[in-house]
Amino acid sequence: MKLLPVYRITVFVPPAALARLKQGILAVDDLAAGGYADGMWESDAREQFRVLDGTRSVQGQGGERVYQPSVRLEFCIPRDARRLQDLLAAIAAHHPWNTPSVFVDTTEFAIA
């Protein structure tokens, strides 16, 4: 096996918005690696947040703590800053939240 340097992108999204988000991501990049395309991982999650006063939130009111189901969506791309910026823009455009929870890590992907 060889190690490919990648960005691992993790984004949390409400289940009802998952399909739209995935379509937006795949419209920008086919996420090809190791002989496969459209590679993503999903797991069920639950999240919480408290809406700060003055924030126009999609869910909850100022001061209210919100608990809701969420999906953790992860995928990897080769370390290419322009590609990363294009995908982050696609996430922002297709995600229902004002400020999506997106995390970018550098790691290595083992391929045959």
Protein backbone atom coordinates (compact mmCIF):
# COMPACT_ATOMS: atom_id res chain seq x y z
CA MET A 1 0.00 0.00 0.00
CA LYS A 2 1.02 3.56 -0.56
CA LEU A 3 0.00 6.62 1.41
CA LEU A 4 -1.64 9.53 -0.39
CA PRO A 5 -1.57 12.92 1.43
CA VAL A 6 -5.19 14.13 1.65
CA TYR A 7 -7.50 16.63 3.25
CA ARG A 8 -10.23 14.89 5.26
CA ILE A 9 -13.31 17.07 5.30
CA THR A 10 -15.99 16.47 7.92
CA VAL A 11 -19.30 18.31 7.86
CA PHE A 12 -22.36 17.92 10.08
CA VAL A 13 -25.73 18.31 8.38
CA PRO A 14 -29.41 17.74 9.27
CA PRO A 15 -30.63 14.44 7.77
CA ALA A 16 -33.22 16.20 5.58
CA ALA A 17 -30.47 18.24 3.88
CA LEU A 18 -27.98 15.40 3.36
CA ALA A 19 -28.91 14.47 -0.24
CA ARG A 20 -28.77 18.10 -1.43
CA LEU A 21 -25.39 18.63 0.24
CA LYS A 22 -23.94 15.46 -1.29
CA GLN A 23 -25.18 16.47 -4.75
CA GLY A 24 -23.56 19.89 -4.38
CA ILE A 25 -20.23 18.35 -3.33
CA LEU A 26 -20.24 15.78 -6.14
CA ALA A 27 -21.09 18.47 -8.71
CA VAL A 28 -17.70 20.04 -7.88
CA ASP A 29 -15.54 16.92 -7.42
CA ASP A 30 -16.07 13.20 -8.04
CA LEU A 31 -14.00 12.34 -4.93
CA ALA A 32 -12.03 9.68 -6.82
CA ALA A 33 -9.38 7.70 -4.94
CA GLY A 34 -7.99 4.21 -5.21
CA GLY A 35 -10.11 3.16 -8.20
CA TYR A 36 -13.41 4.42 -6.76
CA ALA A 37 -15.41 7.63 -7.07
CA ASP A 38 -18.11 9.35 -4.96
CA GLY A 39 -16.36 8.12 -1.79
CA MET A 40 -18.07 9.41 1.34
CA TRP A 41 -18.72 8.12 4.84
CA GLU A 42 -21.86 8.85 6.84
CA SER A 43 -22.70 8.24 10.47
CA ASP A 44 -25.62 9.31 12.61
CA ALA A 45 -24.92 11.98 15.18
CA ARG A 46 -26.70 14.32 17.56
CA GLU A 47 -25.70 17.85 18.16
CA GLN A 48 -26.47 20.74 20.42
CA PHE A 49 -26.02 24.47 20.24
CA ARG A 50 -27.35 27.57 21.94
CA VAL A 51 -28.54 30.39 19.75
CA LEU A 52 -26.96 33.69 20.80
CA ASP A 53 -29.17 36.75 21.13
CA GLY A 54 -29.36 38.69 17.88
CA THR A 55 -28.66 35.65 15.68
CA ARG A 56 -31.16 34.80 12.96
CA SER A 57 -31.02 31.03 13.34
CA VAL A 58 -32.59 28.43 11.09
CA GLN A 59 -33.53 26.57 14.30
CA GLY A 60 -34.13 27.90 17.78
CA GLN A 61 -34.50 31.36 19.27
CA GLY A 62 -32.04 33.58 21.12
CA GLY A 63 -30.88 31.93 24.34
CA GLU A 64 -32.47 28.58 23.50
CA ARG A 65 -30.39 25.38 23.58
CA VAL A 66 -31.25 23.18 20.62
CA TYR A 67 -30.71 19.42 20.37
CA GLN A 68 -31.23 17.77 17.03
CA PRO A 69 -30.26 14.74 14.96
CA SER A 70 -27.42 15.25 12.53
CA VAL A 71 -25.37 13.27 10.03
CA ARG A 72 -21.58 13.32 10.10
CA LEU A 73 -20.44 13.30 6.47
CA GLU A 74 -16.76 12.76 5.69
CA PHE A 75 -14.75 12.57 2.49
CA CYS A 76 -11.15 12.96 1.35
CA ILE A 77 -9.44 14.81 -1.48
CA PRO A 78 -5.79 15.13 -2.47
CA ARG A 79 -4.10 18.09 -0.82
CA ASP A 80 -4.90 20.79 -3.35
CA ALA A 81 -5.78 24.21 -1.91
CA ARG A 82 -7.88 25.33 -4.89
CA ARG A 83 -9.87 22.10 -4.89
CA LEU A 84 -10.42 22.50 -1.15
CA GLN A 85 -11.70 26.07 -1.56
CA ASP A 86 -14.09 24.97 -4.33
CA LEU A 87 -15.51 22.22 -2.09
CA LEU A 88 -15.87 24.55 0.90
CA ALA A 89 -17.79 26.98 -1.32
CA ALA A 90 -20.07 24.12 -2.48
CA ILE A 91 -20.72 23.10 1.13
CA ALA A 92 -21.63 26.67 2.07
CA ALA A 93 -23.95 26.97 -0.95
CA HIS A 94 -25.80 23.69 -0.31
CA HIS A 95 -25.93 23.60 3.49
CA PRO A 96 -29.04 24.95 5.28
CA TRP A 97 -27.21 26.57 8.20
CA ASN A 98 -25.86 30.11 8.45
CA THR A 99 -22.50 28.72 9.64
CA PRO A 100 -22.04 25.04 8.79
CA SER A 101 -19.83 22.94 11.07
CA VAL A 102 -16.97 21.98 8.75
CA PHE A 103 -13.62 20.55 9.83
CA VAL A 104 -10.57 20.03 7.62
CA ASP A 105 -7.74 17.74 8.71
CA THR A 106 -4.57 16.72 6.95
CA THR A 107 -3.98 13.00 6.96
CA GLU A 108 -2.95 10.15 4.67
CA PHE A 109 -5.18 7.72 2.77
CA ALA A 110 -3.83 4.19 2.22
CA ILE A 111 -4.38 2.98 -1.35
CA ALA A 112 -3.29 -0.21 -3.09
